[in-house]
Amino acid sequence: DKLVNVTKANATYTANSLAEMGPIVPPRVKSGDVKIVSAYYEL
């Protein structure tokens, strides 16, 4: 399903981007103090 594919990929893309954005989150992700995950909620 095209919409499902885009929605899931969009959540994952944002999650991956957060792991590399700014000076605060990335170091904590690398150290294991912070974890970023993506998810899909079925209404």
PDB file of all heavy atoms in Angstrom:
ATOM      1  N   ASP A   1       0.827  -1.195   0.000  1.00  0.00           N
ATOM      2  CA  ASP A   1       0.000   0.000   0.000  1.00  0.00           C
ATOM      3  C   ASP A   1       0.871   1.258   0.000  1.00  0.00           C
ATOM      4  O   ASP A   1       1.746   1.423   0.845  1.00  0.00           O
ATOM      5  CB  ASP A   1      -0.908  -0.004   1.237  1.00  0.00           C
ATOM      6  CG  ASP A   1      -1.869   1.150   1.255  1.00  0.00           C
ATOM      7  OD1 ASP A   1      -1.458   2.247   1.694  1.00  0.00           O
ATOM      8  OD2 ASP A   1      -3.024   0.968   0.849  1.00  0.00           O
ATOM      9  N   LYS A   2       0.640   2.131  -0.953  1.00  0.00           N
ATOM     10  CA  LYS A   2       1.486   3.318  -1.118  1.00  0.00           C
ATOM     11  C   LYS A   2       1.455   4.218   0.116  1.00  0.00           C
ATOM     12  O   LYS A   2       2.504   4.681   0.577  1.00  0.00           O
ATOM     13  CB  LYS A   2       1.033   4.104  -2.345  1.00  0.00           C
ATOM     14  CG  LYS A   2       1.948   5.272  -2.717  1.00  0.00           C
ATOM     15  CD  LYS A   2       1.408   6.035  -3.921  1.00  0.00           C
ATOM     16  CE  LYS A   2       1.268   5.151  -5.133  1.00  0.00           C
ATOM     17  NZ  LYS A   2       0.810   5.903  -6.337  1.00  0.00           N
ATOM     18  N   LEU A   3       0.277   4.486   0.655  1.00  0.00           N
ATOM     19  CA  LEU A   3       0.171   5.374   1.817  1.00  0.00           C
ATOM     20  C   LEU A   3       0.828   4.769   3.042  1.00  0.00           C
ATOM     21  O   LEU A   3       1.519   5.467   3.791  1.00  0.00           O
ATOM     22  CB  LEU A   3      -1.299   5.698   2.102  1.00  0.00           C
ATOM     23  CG  LEU A   3      -1.574   6.604   3.308  1.00  0.00           C
ATOM     24  CD1 LEU A   3      -0.794   7.913   3.200  1.00  0.00           C
ATOM     25  CD2 LEU A   3      -3.072   6.876   3.450  1.00  0.00           C
ATOM     26  N   VAL A   4       0.627   3.482   3.248  1.00  0.00           N
ATOM     27  CA  VAL A   4       1.273   2.811   4.388  1.00  0.00           C
ATOM     28  C   VAL A   4       2.789   2.876   4.240  1.00  0.00           C
ATOM     29  O   VAL A   4       3.508   3.175   5.203  1.00  0.00           O
ATOM     30  CB  VAL A   4       0.805   1.340   4.503  1.00  0.00           C
ATOM     31  CG1 VAL A   4       1.619   0.602   5.569  1.00  0.00           C
ATOM     32  CG2 VAL A   4      -0.676   1.277   4.836  1.00  0.00           C
ATOM     33  N   ASN A   5       3.277   2.613   3.041  1.00  0.00           N
ATOM     34  CA  ASN A   5       4.725   2.650   2.802  1.00  0.00           C
ATOM     35  C   ASN A   5       5.303   4.031   3.102  1.00  0.00           C
ATOM     36  O   ASN A   5       6.348   4.157   3.750  1.00  0.00           O
ATOM     37  CB  ASN A   5       5.035   2.280   1.348  1.00  0.00           C
ATOM     38  CG  ASN A   5       4.792   0.820   1.049  1.00  0.00           C
ATOM     39  OD1 ASN A   5       4.660   0.005   1.961  1.00  0.00           O
ATOM     40  ND2 ASN A   5       4.717   0.466  -0.232  1.00  0.00           N
ATOM     41  N   VAL A   6       4.626   5.070   2.623  1.00  0.00           N
ATOM     42  CA  VAL A   6       5.116   6.432   2.839  1.00  0.00           C
ATOM     43  C   VAL A   6       5.064   6.804   4.309  1.00  0.00           C
ATOM     44  O   VAL A   6       6.014   7.384   4.851  1.00  0.00           O
ATOM     45  CB  VAL A   6       4.287   7.444   2.006  1.00  0.00           C
ATOM     46  CG1 VAL A   6       4.599   8.878   2.432  1.00  0.00           C
ATOM     47  CG2 VAL A   6       4.566   7.268   0.525  1.00  0.00           C
ATOM     48  N   THR A   7       3.983   6.459   4.981  1.00  0.00           N
ATOM     49  CA  THR A   7       3.829   6.824   6.389  1.00  0.00           C
ATOM     50  C   THR A   7       4.886   6.157   7.259  1.00  0.00           C
ATOM     51  O   THR A   7       5.476   6.791   8.139  1.00  0.00           O
ATOM     52  CB  THR A   7       2.427   6.449   6.889  1.00  0.00           C
ATOM     53  OG1 THR A   7       1.442   7.065   6.044  1.00  0.00           O
ATOM     54  CG2 THR A   7       2.223   6.927   8.313  1.00  0.00           C
ATOM     55  N   LYS A   8       5.125   4.890   7.013  1.00  0.00           N
ATOM     56  CA  LYS A   8       6.143   4.177   7.792  1.00  0.00           C
ATOM     57  C   LYS A   8       7.537   4.722   7.487  1.00  0.00           C
ATOM     58  O   LYS A   8       8.349   4.950   8.402  1.00  0.00           O
ATOM     59  CB  LYS A   8       6.084   2.677   7.495  1.00  0.00           C
ATOM     60  CG  LYS A   8       4.858   1.988   8.070  1.00  0.00           C
ATOM     61  CD  LYS A   8       4.885   0.488   7.777  1.00  0.00           C
ATOM     62  CE  LYS A   8       3.691  -0.219   8.401  1.00  0.00           C
ATOM     63  NZ  LYS A   8       3.712  -1.690   8.128  1.00  0.00           N
ATOM     64  N   ALA A   9       7.813   4.941   6.209  1.00  0.00           N
ATOM     65  CA  ALA A   9       9.120   5.462   5.817  1.00  0.00           C
ATOM     66  C   ALA A   9       9.337   6.864   6.367  1.00  0.00           C
ATOM     67  O   ALA A   9      10.458   7.223   6.751  1.00  0.00           O
ATOM     68  CB  ALA A   9       9.245   5.464   4.296  1.00  0.00           C
ATOM     69  N   ASN A  10       8.283   7.653   6.419  1.00  0.00           N
ATOM     70  CA  ASN A  10       8.379   9.007   6.951  1.00  0.00           C
ATOM     71  C   ASN A  10       8.741   9.001   8.432  1.00  0.00           C
ATOM     72  O   ASN A  10       9.583   9.784   8.888  1.00  0.00           O
ATOM     73  CB  ASN A  10       7.051   9.743   6.733  1.00  0.00           C
ATOM     74  CG  ASN A  10       7.096  11.176   7.208  1.00  0.00           C
ATOM     75  OD1 ASN A  10       7.972  11.947   6.832  1.00  0.00           O
ATOM     76  ND2 ASN A  10       6.147  11.542   8.052  1.00  0.00           N
ATOM     77  N   ALA A  11       8.115   8.111   9.205  1.00  0.00           N
ATOM     78  CA  ALA A  11       8.431   8.004  10.628  1.00  0.00           C
ATOM     79  C   ALA A  11       9.876   7.559  10.832  1.00  0.00           C
ATOM     80  O   ALA A  11      10.599   8.102  11.682  1.00  0.00           O
ATOM     81  CB  ALA A  11       7.476   7.028  11.305  1.00  0.00           C
ATOM     82  N   THR A  12      10.305   6.587  10.044  1.00  0.00           N
ATOM     83  CA  THR A  12      11.678   6.093  10.166  1.00  0.00           C
ATOM     84  C   THR A  12      12.687   7.147   9.732  1.00  0.00           C
ATOM     85  O   THR A  12      13.745   7.318  10.362  1.00  0.00           O
ATOM     86  CB  THR A  12      11.847   4.815   9.326  1.00  0.00           C
ATOM     87  OG1 THR A  12      10.950   3.812   9.813  1.00  0.00           O
ATOM     88  CG2 THR A  12      13.273   4.288   9.411  1.00  0.00           C
ATOM     89  N   TYR A  13      12.361   7.865   8.658  1.00  0.00           N
ATOM     90  CA  TYR A  13      13.247   8.926   8.175  1.00  0.00           C
ATOM     91  C   TYR A  13      13.435   9.997   9.252  1.00  0.00           C
ATOM     92  O   TYR A  13      14.564  10.455   9.508  1.00  0.00           O
ATOM     93  CB  TYR A  13      12.659   9.542   6.909  1.00  0.00           C
ATOM     94  CG  TYR A  13      13.427  10.736   6.392  1.00  0.00           C
ATOM     95  CD1 TYR A  13      14.575  10.565   5.614  1.00  0.00           C
ATOM     96  CD2 TYR A  13      13.015  12.037   6.688  1.00  0.00           C
ATOM     97  CE1 TYR A  13      15.295  11.659   5.150  1.00  0.00           C
ATOM     98  CE2 TYR A  13      13.730  13.128   6.228  1.00  0.00           C
ATOM     99  CZ  TYR A  13      14.858  12.943   5.457  1.00  0.00           C
ATOM    100  OH  TYR A  13      15.559  14.038   5.008  1.00  0.00           O
ATOM    101  N   THR A  14      12.342  10.401   9.892  1.00  0.00           N
ATOM    102  CA  THR A  14      12.445  11.415  10.941  1.00  0.00           C
ATOM    103  C   THR A  14      13.239  10.903  12.127  1.00  0.00           C
ATOM    104  O   THR A  14      14.068  11.628  12.693  1.00  0.00           O
ATOM    105  CB  THR A  14      11.038  11.849  11.400  1.00  0.00           C
ATOM    106  OG1 THR A  14      10.329  12.410  10.287  1.00  0.00           O
ATOM    107  CG2 THR A  14      11.118  12.890  12.507  1.00  0.00           C
ATOM    108  N   ALA A  15      13.013   9.652  12.512  1.00  0.00           N
ATOM    109  CA  ALA A  15      13.750   9.071  13.632  1.00  0.00           C
ATOM    110  C   ALA A  15      15.245   9.038  13.336  1.00  0.00           C
ATOM    111  O   ALA A  15      16.075   9.401  14.189  1.00  0.00           O
ATOM    112  CB  ALA A  15      13.233   7.662  13.918  1.00  0.00           C
ATOM    113  N   ASN A  16      15.598   8.618  12.134  1.00  0.00           N
ATOM    114  CA  ASN A  16      17.019   8.578  11.760  1.00  0.00           C
ATOM    115  C   ASN A  16      17.627   9.974  11.712  1.00  0.00           C
ATOM    116  O   ASN A  16      18.790  10.169  12.086  1.00  0.00           O
ATOM    117  CB  ASN A  16      17.178   7.897  10.402  1.00  0.00           C
ATOM    118  CG  ASN A  16      16.858   6.409  10.449  1.00  0.00           C
ATOM    119  OD1 ASN A  16      16.890   5.800  11.520  1.00  0.00           O
ATOM    120  ND2 ASN A  16      16.556   5.823   9.307  1.00  0.00           N
ATOM    121  N   SER A  17      16.838  10.942  11.259  1.00  0.00           N
ATOM    122  CA  SER A  17      17.327  12.318  11.185  1.00  0.00           C
ATOM    123  C   SER A  17      17.591  12.888  12.568  1.00  0.00           C
ATOM    124  O   SER A  17      18.582  13.599  12.784  1.00  0.00           O
ATOM    125  CB  SER A  17      16.310  13.199  10.446  1.00  0.00           C
ATOM    126  OG  SER A  17      16.142  12.773   9.107  1.00  0.00           O
ATOM    127  N   LEU A  18      16.724  12.577  13.516  1.00  0.00           N
ATOM    128  CA  LEU A  18      16.882  13.083  14.884  1.00  0.00           C
ATOM    129  C   LEU A  18      18.201  12.627  15.509  1.00  0.00           C
ATOM    130  O   LEU A  18      18.793  13.340  16.313  1.00  0.00           O
ATOM    131  CB  LEU A  18      15.718  12.619  15.760  1.00  0.00           C
ATOM    132  CG  LEU A  18      14.394  13.360  15.595  1.00  0.00           C
ATOM    133  CD1 LEU A  18      13.309  12.686  16.406  1.00  0.00           C
ATOM    134  CD2 LEU A  18      14.551  14.817  16.018  1.00  0.00           C
ATOM    135  N   ALA A  19      18.625  11.433  15.133  1.00  0.00           N
ATOM    136  CA  ALA A  19      19.867  10.883  15.695  1.00  0.00           C
ATOM    137  C   ALA A  19      21.094  11.665  15.250  1.00  0.00           C
ATOM    138  O   ALA A  19      22.184  11.485  15.810  1.00  0.00           O
ATOM    139  CB  ALA A  19      20.019   9.421  15.302  1.00  0.00           C
ATOM    140  N   GLU A  20      20.913  12.565  14.260  1.00  0.00           N
ATOM    141  CA  GLU A  20      22.042  13.324  13.734  1.00  0.00           C
ATOM    142  C   GLU A  20      21.834  14.831  13.831  1.00  0.00           C
ATOM    143  O   GLU A  20      22.654  15.600  13.319  1.00  0.00           O
ATOM    144  CB  GLU A  20      22.276  12.936  12.267  1.00  0.00           C
ATOM    145  CG  GLU A  20      22.572  11.462  12.064  1.00  0.00           C
ATOM    146  CD  GLU A  20      22.729  11.086  10.605  1.00  0.00           C
ATOM    147  OE1 GLU A  20      22.490  11.968   9.745  1.00  0.00           O
ATOM    148  OE2 GLU A  20      23.090   9.927  10.322  1.00  0.00           O
ATOM    149  N   MET A  21      20.755  15.265  14.474  1.00  0.00           N
ATOM    150  CA  MET A  21      20.419  16.688  14.506  1.00  0.00           C
ATOM    151  C   MET A  21      20.820  17.353  15.821  1.00  0.00           C
ATOM    152  O   MET A  21      20.491  16.870  16.899  1.00  0.00           O
ATOM    153  CB  MET A  21      18.910  16.879  14.301  1.00  0.00           C
ATOM    154  CG  MET A  21      18.426  16.499  12.917  1.00  0.00           C
ATOM    155  SD  MET A  21      16.621  16.641  12.724  1.00  0.00           S
ATOM    156  CE  MET A  21      16.415  18.428  12.860  1.00  0.00           C
ATOM    157  N   GLY A  22      21.555  18.469  15.701  1.00  0.00           N
ATOM    158  CA  GLY A  22      21.865  19.296  16.856  1.00  0.00           C
ATOM    159  C   GLY A  22      22.965  18.741  17.744  1.00  0.00           C
ATOM    160  O   GLY A  22      23.455  17.630  17.544  1.00  0.00           O
ATOM    161  N   PRO A  23      23.333  19.505  18.773  1.00  0.00           N
ATOM    162  CA  PRO A  23      24.441  19.123  19.646  1.00  0.00           C
ATOM    163  C   PRO A  23      24.040  18.287  20.859  1.00  0.00           C
ATOM    164  O   PRO A  23      24.902  17.797  21.575  1.00  0.00           O
ATOM    165  CB  PRO A  23      24.973  20.484  20.115  1.00  0.00           C
ATOM    166  CG  PRO A  23      23.729  21.328  20.196  1.00  0.00           C
ATOM    167  CD  PRO A  23      22.848  20.872  19.043  1.00  0.00           C
ATOM    168  N   ILE A  24      22.755  18.099  21.101  1.00  0.00           N
ATOM    169  CA  ILE A  24      22.310  17.463  22.343  1.00  0.00           C
ATOM    170  C   ILE A  24      21.948  15.994  22.172  1.00  0.00           C
ATOM    171  O   ILE A  24      22.410  15.133  22.935  1.00  0.00           O
ATOM    172  CB  ILE A  24      21.115  18.242  22.940  1.00  0.00           C
ATOM    173  CG1 ILE A  24      21.582  19.638  23.372  1.00  0.00           C
ATOM    174  CG2 ILE A  24      20.504  17.495  24.118  1.00  0.00           C
ATOM    175  CD1 ILE A  24      20.471  20.545  23.863  1.00  0.00           C
ATOM    176  N   VAL A  25      21.129  15.697  21.185  1.00  0.00           N
ATOM    177  CA  VAL A  25      20.623  14.327  21.033  1.00  0.00           C
ATOM    178  C   VAL A  25      21.672  13.342  20.518  1.00  0.00           C
ATOM    179  O   VAL A  25      21.832  12.254  21.094  1.00  0.00           O
ATOM    180  CB  VAL A  25      19.366  14.313  20.144  1.00  0.00           C
ATOM    181  CG1 VAL A  25      18.914  12.884  19.859  1.00  0.00           C
ATOM    182  CG2 VAL A  25      18.236  15.096  20.810  1.00  0.00           C
ATOM    183  N   PRO A  26      22.405  13.641  19.426  1.00  0.00           N
ATOM    184  CA  PRO A  26      23.335  12.651  18.865  1.00  0.00           C
ATOM    185  C   PRO A  26      24.346  12.064  19.859  1.00  0.00           C
ATOM    186  O   PRO A  26      24.527  10.831  19.869  1.00  0.00           O
ATOM    187  CB  PRO A  26      24.039  13.434  17.747  1.00  0.00           C
ATOM    188  CG  PRO A  26      23.005  14.420  17.304  1.00  0.00           C
ATOM    189  CD  PRO A  26      22.331  14.846  18.575  1.00  0.00           C
ATOM    190  N   PRO A  27      25.020  12.873  20.704  1.00  0.00           N
ATOM    191  CA  PRO A  27      25.977  12.270  21.644  1.00  0.00           C
ATOM    192  C   PRO A  27      25.321  11.294  22.613  1.00  0.00           C
ATOM    193  O   PRO A  27      25.911  10.269  22.980  1.00  0.00           O
ATOM    194  CB  PRO A  27      26.546  13.482  22.395  1.00  0.00           C
ATOM    195  CG  PRO A  27      26.306  14.648  21.506  1.00  0.00           C
ATOM    196  CD  PRO A  27      25.023  14.351  20.813  1.00  0.00           C
ATOM    197  N   ARG A  28      24.099  11.602  23.015  1.00  0.00           N
ATOM    198  CA  ARG A  28      23.392  10.714  23.952  1.00  0.00           C
ATOM    199  C   ARG A  28      22.932   9.440  23.276  1.00  0.00           C
ATOM    200  O   ARG A  28      22.858   8.388  23.909  1.00  0.00           O
ATOM    201  CB  ARG A  28      22.204  11.464  24.577  1.00  0.00           C
ATOM    202  CG  ARG A  28      22.618  12.519  25.603  1.00  0.00           C
ATOM    203  CD  ARG A  28      21.433  13.379  26.008  1.00  0.00           C
ATOM    204  NE  ARG A  28      21.688  14.208  27.171  1.00  0.00           N
ATOM    205  CZ  ARG A  28      22.327  15.369  27.150  1.00  0.00           C
ATOM    206  NH1 ARG A  28      22.777  15.832  25.981  1.00  0.00           N
ATOM    207  NH2 ARG A  28      22.527  16.061  28.249  1.00  0.00           N
ATOM    208  N   VAL A  29      22.620   9.539  21.989  1.00  0.00           N
ATOM    209  CA  VAL A  29      22.264   8.340  21.232  1.00  0.00           C
ATOM    210  C   VAL A  29      23.492   7.433  21.094  1.00  0.00           C
ATOM    211  O   VAL A  29      23.418   6.214  21.296  1.00  0.00           O
ATOM    212  CB  VAL A  29      21.710   8.703  19.837  1.00  0.00           C
ATOM    213  CG1 VAL A  29      21.555   7.451  18.968  1.00  0.00           C
ATOM    214  CG2 VAL A  29      20.369   9.413  19.967  1.00  0.00           C
ATOM    215  N   LYS A  30      24.629   8.040  20.776  1.00  0.00           N
ATOM    216  CA  LYS A  30      25.862   7.265  20.606  1.00  0.00           C
ATOM    217  C   LYS A  30      26.303   6.603  21.905  1.00  0.00           C
ATOM    218  O   LYS A  30      26.843   5.491  21.895  1.00  0.00           O
ATOM    219  CB  LYS A  30      26.966   8.174  20.069  1.00  0.00           C
ATOM    220  CG  LYS A  30      26.740   8.612  18.625  1.00  0.00           C
ATOM    221  CD  LYS A  30      27.845   9.535  18.143  1.00  0.00           C
ATOM    222  CE  LYS A  30      27.589   9.989  16.711  1.00  0.00           C
ATOM    223  NZ  LYS A  30      28.637  10.929  16.231  1.00  0.00           N
ATOM    224  N   SER A  31      26.056   7.264  23.034  1.00  0.00           N
ATOM    225  CA  SER A  31      26.461   6.706  24.333  1.00  0.00           C
ATOM    226  C   SER A  31      25.469   5.660  24.841  1.00  0.00           C
ATOM    227  O   SER A  31      25.773   4.931  25.786  1.00  0.00           O
ATOM    228  CB  SER A  31      26.584   7.827  25.367  1.00  0.00           C
ATOM    229  OG  SER A  31      25.306   8.378  25.680  1.00  0.00           O
ATOM    230  N   GLY A  32      24.289   5.603  24.238  1.00  0.00           N
ATOM    231  CA  GLY A  32      23.277   4.652  24.684  1.00  0.00           C
ATOM    232  C   GLY A  32      22.345   5.198  25.741  1.00  0.00           C
ATOM    233  O   GLY A  32      21.444   4.485  26.214  1.00  0.00           O
ATOM    234  N   ASP A  33      22.533   6.463  26.119  1.00  0.00           N
ATOM    235  CA  ASP A  33      21.663   7.067  27.125  1.00  0.00           C
ATOM    236  C   ASP A  33      20.290   7.414  26.562  1.00  0.00           C
ATOM    237  O   ASP A  33      19.315   7.536  27.306  1.00  0.00           O
ATOM    238  CB  ASP A  33      22.311   8.336  27.702  1.00  0.00           C
ATOM    239  CG  ASP A  33      23.567   8.037  28.500  1.00  0.00           C
ATOM    240  OD1 ASP A  33      23.617   6.954  29.123  1.00  0.00           O
ATOM    241  OD2 ASP A  33      24.500   8.859  28.486  1.00  0.00           O
ATOM    242  N   VAL A  34      20.225   7.601  25.258  1.00  0.00           N
ATOM    243  CA  VAL A  34      18.961   7.915  24.588  1.00  0.00           C
ATOM    244  C   VAL A  34      18.783   6.961  23.416  1.00  0.00           C
ATOM    245  O   VAL A  34      19.732   6.665  22.688  1.00  0.00           O
ATOM    246  CB  VAL A  34      18.928   9.373  24.086  1.00  0.00           C
ATOM    247  CG1 VAL A  34      17.735   9.616  23.174  1.00  0.00           C
ATOM    248  CG2 VAL A  34      18.877  10.343  25.258  1.00  0.00           C
ATOM    249  N   LYS A  35      17.562   6.493  23.256  1.00  0.00           N
ATOM    250  CA  LYS A  35      17.226   5.605  22.138  1.00  0.00           C
ATOM    251  C   LYS A  35      16.109   6.258  21.339  1.00  0.00           C
ATOM    252  O   LYS A  35      15.183   6.840  21.903  1.00  0.00           O
ATOM    253  CB  LYS A  35      16.771   4.243  22.669  1.00  0.00           C
ATOM    254  CG  LYS A  35      16.469   3.200  21.591  1.00  0.00           C
ATOM    255  CD  LYS A  35      16.052   1.881  22.225  1.00  0.00           C
ATOM    256  CE  LYS A  35      15.781   0.807  21.194  1.00  0.00           C
ATOM    257  NZ  LYS A  35      17.023   0.395  20.511  1.00  0.00           N
ATOM    258  N   ILE A  36      16.213   6.170  20.005  1.00  0.00           N
ATOM    259  CA  ILE A  36      15.174   6.707  19.122  1.00  0.00           C
ATOM    260  C   ILE A  36      14.586   5.564  18.321  1.00  0.00           C
ATOM    261  O   ILE A  36      15.314   4.789  17.701  1.00  0.00           O
ATOM    262  CB  ILE A  36      15.751   7.772  18.159  1.00  0.00           C
ATOM    263  CG1 ILE A  36      16.461   8.885  18.939  1.00  0.00           C
ATOM    264  CG2 ILE A  36      14.635   8.371  17.312  1.00  0.00           C
ATOM    265  CD1 ILE A  36      17.146   9.908  18.051  1.00  0.00           C
ATOM    266  N   VAL A  37      13.256   5.464  18.339  1.00  0.00           N
ATOM    267  CA  VAL A  37      12.586   4.409  17.591  1.00  0.00           C
ATOM    268  C   VAL A  37      11.444   5.009  16.777  1.00  0.00           C
ATOM    269  O   VAL A  37      10.912   6.063  17.109  1.00  0.00           O
ATOM    270  CB  VAL A  37      12.033   3.302  18.520  1.00  0.00           C
ATOM    271  CG1 VAL A  37      13.161   2.600  19.256  1.00  0.00           C
ATOM    272  CG2 VAL A  37      11.027   3.872  19.517  1.00  0.00           C
ATOM    273  N   SER A  38      11.070   4.326  15.705  1.00  0.00           N
ATOM    274  CA  SER A  38       9.924   4.747  14.907  1.00  0.00           C
ATOM    275  C   SER A  38       8.817   3.722  15.064  1.00  0.00           C
ATOM    276  O   SER A  38       9.064   2.545  15.358  1.00  0.00           O
ATOM    277  CB  SER A  38      10.314   4.917  13.435  1.00  0.00           C
ATOM    278  OG  SER A  38      10.880   3.726  12.924  1.00  0.00           O
ATOM    279  N   ALA A  39       7.577   4.189  14.853  1.00  0.00           N
ATOM    280  CA  ALA A  39       6.429   3.316  15.070  1.00  0.00           C
ATOM    281  C   ALA A  39       5.298   3.698  14.131  1.00  0.00           C
ATOM    282  O   ALA A  39       5.279   4.794  13.556  1.00  0.00           O
ATOM    283  CB  ALA A  39       5.970   3.405  16.525  1.00  0.00           C
ATOM    284  N   TYR A  40       4.342   2.786  14.004  1.00  0.00           N
ATOM    285  CA  TYR A  40       3.188   2.996  13.136  1.00  0.00           C
ATOM    286  C   TYR A  40       1.947   2.558  13.895  1.00  0.00           C
ATOM    287  O   TYR A  40       1.823   1.393  14.300  1.00  0.00           O
ATOM    288  CB  TYR A  40       3.348   2.189  11.852  1.00  0.00           C
ATOM    289  CG  TYR A  40       2.190   2.272  10.884  1.00  0.00           C
ATOM    290  CD1 TYR A  40       2.080   3.341   9.995  1.00  0.00           C
ATOM    291  CD2 TYR A  40       1.217   1.270  10.835  1.00  0.00           C
ATOM    292  CE1 TYR A  40       1.027   3.407   9.080  1.00  0.00           C
ATOM    293  CE2 TYR A  40       0.173   1.336   9.923  1.00  0.00           C
ATOM    294  CZ  TYR A  40       0.075   2.403   9.052  1.00  0.00           C
ATOM    295  OH  TYR A  40      -0.955   2.470   8.162  1.00  0.00           O
ATOM    296  N   TYR A  41       1.016   3.495  14.080  1.00  0.00           N
ATOM    297  CA  TYR A  41      -0.205   3.220  14.836  1.00  0.00           C
ATOM    298  C   TYR A  41      -1.356   2.928  13.884  1.00  0.00           C
ATOM    299  O   TYR A  41      -1.681   3.748  13.024  1.00  0.00           O
ATOM    300  CB  TYR A  41      -0.526   4.425  15.729  1.00  0.00           C
ATOM    301  CG  TYR A  41      -1.857   4.360  16.427  1.00  0.00           C
ATOM    302  CD1 TYR A  41      -2.213   3.263  17.203  1.00  0.00           C
ATOM    303  CD2 TYR A  41      -2.768   5.412  16.324  1.00  0.00           C
ATOM    304  CE1 TYR A  41      -3.434   3.205  17.849  1.00  0.00           C
ATOM    305  CE2 TYR A  41      -3.997   5.366  16.969  1.00  0.00           C
ATOM    306  CZ  TYR A  41      -4.321   4.260  17.729  1.00  0.00           C
ATOM    307  OH  TYR A  41      -5.532   4.197  18.372  1.00  0.00           O
ATOM    308  N   GLU A  42      -1.974   1.770  14.052  1.00  0.00           N
ATOM    309  CA  GLU A  42      -3.107   1.377  13.217  1.00  0.00           C
ATOM    310  C   GLU A  42      -4.411   1.788  13.909  1.00  0.00           C
ATOM    311  O   GLU A  42      -4.753   1.256  14.975  1.00  0.00           O
ATOM    312  CB  GLU A  42      -3.088  -0.137  12.980  1.00  0.00           C
ATOM    313  CG  GLU A  42      -4.280  -0.683  12.214  1.00  0.00           C
ATOM    314  CD  GLU A  42      -4.529   0.017  10.897  1.00  0.00           C
ATOM    315  OE1 GLU A  42      -3.603   0.025  10.047  1.00  0.00           O
ATOM    316  OE2 GLU A  42      -5.634   0.571  10.719  1.00  0.00           O
ATOM    317  N   LEU A  43      -5.115   2.737  13.294  1.00  0.00           N
ATOM    318  CA  LEU A  43      -6.326   3.267  13.906  1.00  0.00           C
ATOM    319  C   LEU A  43      -7.409   2.205  14.091  1.00  0.00           C
ATOM    320  O   LEU A  43      -8.176   2.260  15.056  1.00  0.00           O
ATOM    321  CB  LEU A  43      -6.890   4.408  13.043  1.00  0.00           C
ATOM    322  CG  LEU A  43      -6.056   5.686  12.933  1.00  0.00           C
ATOM    323  CD1 LEU A  43      -6.657   6.597  11.870  1.00  0.00           C
ATOM    324  CD2 LEU A  43      -5.986   6.403  14.270  1.00  0.00           C
TER     325      LEU A  43
END
